[in-house]
Structure formats: C-alpha cells, structure tokens
Amino acid sequence: MTVKWLPGLEIQVQLVVALLLALLLGAVFAWISLLPSWLKAKRAASVATKNAERLERELNQLKAQGNTPVIVEEPMPALPIGPSHGI
C-alpha cells in the first residue's frame, strides 16, 4: 500500500502497519485532548477532599467544646416533569 503524505512524499507500507499507526495516532490524540478535563476533575476532587477534611476538623472541635452543631437539611428541588425532560 502506498501512503501519500504530501506531493512527492510517498511511503510504501503494509496495510496492517498503516492501520495500526492510524489507531495509535488516534489514541494519542484522544488522550491529549482529554488530558485537560482529567486534570481539572482531579483538582476539583482534591479541593473537595480538603474541604471535607477541614469541615470534619471543625465539627470535631465543636464537639470537643461541647457545642452541638445544628444541621439543617434543605429539601432537594423537584425535577421538572413534562415535555422539557428530553425523552
């Protein structure tokens, strides 16, 4: 099989090699394009973990001081039902 890159630049390769190379280049491109979102998610998870640890420490300090924290849970908002749900 002849692979033509640019005018005057041709390479003779087997079809299996050309397909594997295309698959490898596609995987590398996909990994590079997803890397920023993976890093952003990892940073968000790290920040959430640090916040949870800080809140745990504050809760333990309040319990040690004898103060009982009051936890108020707000109800979850109802999901819209009707033609706008997308089904």
N, C-alpha and C. Protein backbone atom coordinates (compact mmCIF):
# COMPACT_ATOMS: atom_id res chain seq x y z
N MET A 1 0.85 -1.17 0.00
CA MET A 1 0.00 0.00 0.00
C MET A 1 0.90 1.24 0.00
N THR A 2 0.50 2.23 -0.75
CA THR A 2 1.26 3.47 -0.83
C THR A 2 0.53 4.53 -0.03
N VAL A 3 1.23 5.13 0.92
CA VAL A 3 0.68 6.21 1.73
C VAL A 3 1.28 7.51 1.21
N LYS A 4 0.40 8.43 0.79
CA LYS A 4 0.85 9.72 0.26
C LYS A 4 0.65 10.79 1.32
N TRP A 5 1.74 11.39 1.77
CA TRP A 5 1.68 12.43 2.80
C TRP A 5 1.51 13.80 2.18
N LEU A 6 2.47 14.18 1.38
CA LEU A 6 2.49 15.46 0.68
C LEU A 6 2.83 15.18 -0.77
N PRO A 7 2.61 16.14 -1.66
CA PRO A 7 3.02 15.89 -3.04
C PRO A 7 4.51 15.55 -3.11
N GLY A 8 4.80 14.40 -3.67
CA GLY A 8 6.19 13.97 -3.80
C GLY A 8 6.67 13.15 -2.62
N LEU A 9 5.88 13.00 -1.56
CA LEU A 9 6.30 12.23 -0.39
C LEU A 9 5.37 11.02 -0.25
N GLU A 10 5.87 9.89 -0.69
CA GLU A 10 5.11 8.65 -0.63
C GLU A 10 5.91 7.59 0.11
N ILE A 11 5.18 6.74 0.84
CA ILE A 11 5.83 5.68 1.60
C ILE A 11 5.10 4.38 1.31
N GLN A 12 5.85 3.34 1.06
CA GLN A 12 5.28 2.00 0.86
C GLN A 12 5.25 1.30 2.21
N VAL A 13 4.04 0.94 2.68
CA VAL A 13 3.90 0.20 3.93
C VAL A 13 2.83 -0.87 3.76
N GLN A 14 2.86 -1.83 4.64
CA GLN A 14 1.83 -2.85 4.62
C GLN A 14 0.55 -2.26 5.22
N LEU A 15 -0.59 -2.79 4.80
CA LEU A 15 -1.88 -2.27 5.26
C LEU A 15 -2.01 -2.41 6.77
N VAL A 16 -1.54 -3.49 7.33
CA VAL A 16 -1.63 -3.71 8.78
C VAL A 16 -0.85 -2.63 9.54
N VAL A 17 0.31 -2.29 9.05
CA VAL A 17 1.14 -1.27 9.71
C VAL A 17 0.45 0.09 9.61
N ALA A 18 -0.12 0.41 8.47
CA ALA A 18 -0.80 1.70 8.30
C ALA A 18 -2.01 1.79 9.23
N LEU A 19 -2.79 0.72 9.36
CA LEU A 19 -3.95 0.74 10.24
C LEU A 19 -3.54 0.84 11.71
N LEU A 20 -2.52 0.11 12.11
CA LEU A 20 -2.06 0.19 13.50
C LEU A 20 -1.51 1.57 13.83
N LEU A 21 -0.81 2.17 12.88
CA LEU A 21 -0.28 3.51 13.09
C LEU A 21 -1.42 4.52 13.21
N ALA A 22 -2.46 4.38 12.38
CA ALA A 22 -3.62 5.28 12.46
C ALA A 22 -4.33 5.10 13.81
N LEU A 23 -4.46 3.86 14.26
CA LEU A 23 -5.09 3.60 15.55
C LEU A 23 -4.27 4.21 16.69
N LEU A 24 -2.98 4.05 16.65
CA LEU A 24 -2.10 4.61 17.68
C LEU A 24 -2.16 6.13 17.69
N LEU A 25 -2.12 6.75 16.52
CA LEU A 25 -2.19 8.21 16.46
C LEU A 25 -3.54 8.71 16.96
N GLY A 26 -4.63 8.00 16.67
CA GLY A 26 -5.94 8.38 17.17
C GLY A 26 -6.02 8.29 18.68
N ALA A 27 -5.44 7.23 19.24
CA ALA A 27 -5.45 7.07 20.70
C ALA A 27 -4.63 8.16 21.37
N VAL A 28 -3.49 8.50 20.81
CA VAL A 28 -2.66 9.56 21.38
C VAL A 28 -3.38 10.91 21.29
N PHE A 29 -4.02 11.18 20.18
CA PHE A 29 -4.76 12.44 20.03
C PHE A 29 -5.91 12.51 21.04
N ALA A 30 -6.64 11.40 21.22
CA ALA A 30 -7.75 11.38 22.18
C ALA A 30 -7.23 11.60 23.59
N TRP A 31 -6.12 10.97 23.95
CA TRP A 31 -5.55 11.13 25.29
C TRP A 31 -5.14 12.58 25.53
N ILE A 32 -4.50 13.18 24.54
CA ILE A 32 -4.06 14.57 24.69
C ILE A 32 -5.26 15.52 24.79
N SER A 33 -6.32 15.25 24.02
CA SER A 33 -7.48 16.14 24.05
C SER A 33 -8.27 15.99 25.36
N LEU A 34 -8.22 14.82 26.01
CA LEU A 34 -8.93 14.62 27.27
C LEU A 34 -8.11 14.99 28.50
N LEU A 35 -6.84 15.18 28.34
CA LEU A 35 -5.96 15.46 29.48
C LEU A 35 -6.38 16.69 30.29
N PRO A 36 -6.73 17.83 29.67
CA PRO A 36 -7.13 18.98 30.49
C PRO A 36 -8.35 18.71 31.37
N SER A 37 -9.35 18.01 30.83
CA SER A 37 -10.54 17.73 31.65
C SER A 37 -10.21 16.75 32.77
N TRP A 38 -9.33 15.79 32.54
CA TRP A 38 -8.92 14.87 33.60
C TRP A 38 -8.19 15.62 34.71
N LEU A 39 -7.30 16.53 34.33
CA LEU A 39 -6.57 17.30 35.34
C LEU A 39 -7.51 18.21 36.13
N LYS A 40 -8.50 18.81 35.44
CA LYS A 40 -9.47 19.66 36.11
C LYS A 40 -10.29 18.86 37.11
N ALA A 41 -10.72 17.66 36.72
CA ALA A 41 -11.50 16.80 37.63
C ALA A 41 -10.66 16.36 38.82
N LYS A 42 -9.39 16.06 38.57
CA LYS A 42 -8.51 15.65 39.67
C LYS A 42 -8.32 16.80 40.66
N ARG A 43 -8.16 18.01 40.15
CA ARG A 43 -8.00 19.17 41.03
C ARG A 43 -9.29 19.42 41.82
N ALA A 44 -10.44 19.31 41.18
CA ALA A 44 -11.72 19.51 41.87
C ALA A 44 -11.90 18.47 42.98
N ALA A 45 -11.52 17.23 42.72
CA ALA A 45 -11.63 16.19 43.73
C ALA A 45 -10.69 16.47 44.90
N SER A 46 -9.50 16.97 44.61
CA SER A 46 -8.56 17.30 45.66
C SER A 46 -9.08 18.44 46.54
N VAL A 47 -9.65 19.46 45.91
CA VAL A 47 -10.21 20.59 46.67
C VAL A 47 -11.38 20.12 47.52
N ALA A 48 -12.25 19.26 46.97
CA ALA A 48 -13.39 18.76 47.72
C ALA A 48 -12.92 17.93 48.92
N THR A 49 -11.88 17.13 48.73
CA THR A 49 -11.36 16.32 49.83
C THR A 49 -10.79 17.21 50.93
N LYS A 50 -10.06 18.25 50.56
CA LYS A 50 -9.51 19.17 51.55
C LYS A 50 -10.61 19.89 52.31
N ASN A 51 -11.67 20.30 51.59
CA ASN A 51 -12.80 20.96 52.26
C ASN A 51 -13.50 20.01 53.22
N ALA A 52 -13.68 18.76 52.82
CA ALA A 52 -14.32 17.78 53.69
C ALA A 52 -13.48 17.54 54.95
N GLU A 53 -12.17 17.45 54.79
CA GLU A 53 -11.28 17.25 55.95
C GLU A 53 -11.34 18.46 56.89
N ARG A 54 -11.38 19.66 56.31
CA ARG A 54 -11.46 20.87 57.13
C ARG A 54 -12.78 20.91 57.90
N LEU A 55 -13.87 20.57 57.25
CA LEU A 55 -15.17 20.56 57.92
C LEU A 55 -15.22 19.49 59.02
N GLU A 56 -14.60 18.35 58.78
CA GLU A 56 -14.53 17.31 59.82
C GLU A 56 -13.76 17.82 61.04
N ARG A 57 -12.65 18.51 60.80
CA ARG A 57 -11.87 19.06 61.93
C ARG A 57 -12.70 20.08 62.70
N GLU A 58 -13.40 20.96 61.97
CA GLU A 58 -14.22 21.97 62.65
C GLU A 58 -15.34 21.31 63.45
N LEU A 59 -15.95 20.27 62.90
CA LEU A 59 -17.02 19.57 63.61
C LEU A 59 -16.48 18.91 64.87
N ASN A 60 -15.32 18.29 64.78
CA ASN A 60 -14.71 17.66 65.95
C ASN A 60 -14.35 18.69 67.01
N GLN A 61 -13.89 19.88 66.59
CA GLN A 61 -13.57 20.94 67.55
C GLN A 61 -14.83 21.41 68.26
N LEU A 62 -15.92 21.56 67.50
CA LEU A 62 -17.18 21.98 68.12
C LEU A 62 -17.68 20.93 69.11
N LYS A 63 -17.56 19.67 68.76
CA LYS A 63 -17.99 18.61 69.66
C LYS A 63 -17.12 18.58 70.91
N ALA A 64 -15.82 18.83 70.76
CA ALA A 64 -14.91 18.82 71.91
C ALA A 64 -15.21 19.99 72.85
N GLN A 65 -15.68 21.12 72.30
CA GLN A 65 -16.02 22.28 73.12
C GLN A 65 -17.38 22.12 73.79
N GLY A 66 -18.12 21.11 73.41
CA GLY A 66 -19.43 20.90 74.00
C GLY A 66 -20.54 21.56 73.21
N ASN A 67 -20.20 22.22 72.15
CA ASN A 67 -21.22 22.84 71.29
C ASN A 67 -21.78 21.78 70.35
N THR A 68 -23.07 21.67 70.31
CA THR A 68 -23.70 20.72 69.40
C THR A 68 -24.15 21.48 68.16
N PRO A 69 -23.54 21.18 67.03
CA PRO A 69 -23.93 21.89 65.81
C PRO A 69 -25.33 21.48 65.36
N VAL A 70 -26.05 22.43 64.84
CA VAL A 70 -27.39 22.17 64.32
C VAL A 70 -27.25 22.03 62.80
N ILE A 71 -27.68 20.89 62.30
CA ILE A 71 -27.58 20.63 60.87
C ILE A 71 -28.97 20.75 60.27
N VAL A 72 -29.10 21.66 59.35
CA VAL A 72 -30.38 21.90 58.69
C VAL A 72 -30.26 21.40 57.26
N GLU A 73 -31.09 20.43 56.92
CA GLU A 73 -31.06 19.90 55.56
C GLU A 73 -32.16 20.55 54.75
N GLU A 74 -31.78 21.06 53.59
CA GLU A 74 -32.76 21.67 52.71
C GLU A 74 -33.30 20.60 51.78
N PRO A 75 -34.58 20.65 51.46
CA PRO A 75 -35.14 19.63 50.55
C PRO A 75 -34.58 19.79 49.14
N MET A 76 -34.46 18.67 48.46
CA MET A 76 -33.99 18.69 47.09
C MET A 76 -35.06 19.32 46.21
N PRO A 77 -34.67 20.15 45.25
CA PRO A 77 -35.67 20.74 44.35
C PRO A 77 -36.27 19.65 43.47
N ALA A 78 -37.55 19.80 43.17
CA ALA A 78 -38.24 18.83 42.33
C ALA A 78 -37.74 18.93 40.89
N LEU A 79 -37.62 17.78 40.25
CA LEU A 79 -37.20 17.77 38.85
C LEU A 79 -38.40 18.10 37.97
N PRO A 80 -38.18 18.87 36.91
CA PRO A 80 -39.29 19.20 36.04
C PRO A 80 -39.78 17.96 35.30
N ILE A 81 -41.07 17.79 35.25
CA ILE A 81 -41.66 16.67 34.53
C ILE A 81 -42.55 17.26 33.46
N GLY A 82 -42.41 16.76 32.28
CA GLY A 82 -43.21 17.26 31.17
C GLY A 82 -42.41 17.22 29.89
N PRO A 83 -42.83 18.01 28.92
CA PRO A 83 -42.16 17.94 27.61
C PRO A 83 -40.71 18.42 27.64
N SER A 84 -40.30 19.11 28.70
CA SER A 84 -38.93 19.63 28.73
C SER A 84 -37.93 18.62 29.27
N HIS A 85 -38.37 17.39 29.63
CA HIS A 85 -37.44 16.44 30.23
C HIS A 85 -36.53 15.77 29.21
N GLY A 86 -36.79 15.89 27.93
CA GLY A 86 -35.87 15.41 26.92
C GLY A 86 -36.08 13.99 26.46
N ILE A 87 -37.14 13.35 26.92
CA ILE A 87 -37.37 11.96 26.47
C ILE A 87 -38.44 11.97 25.40
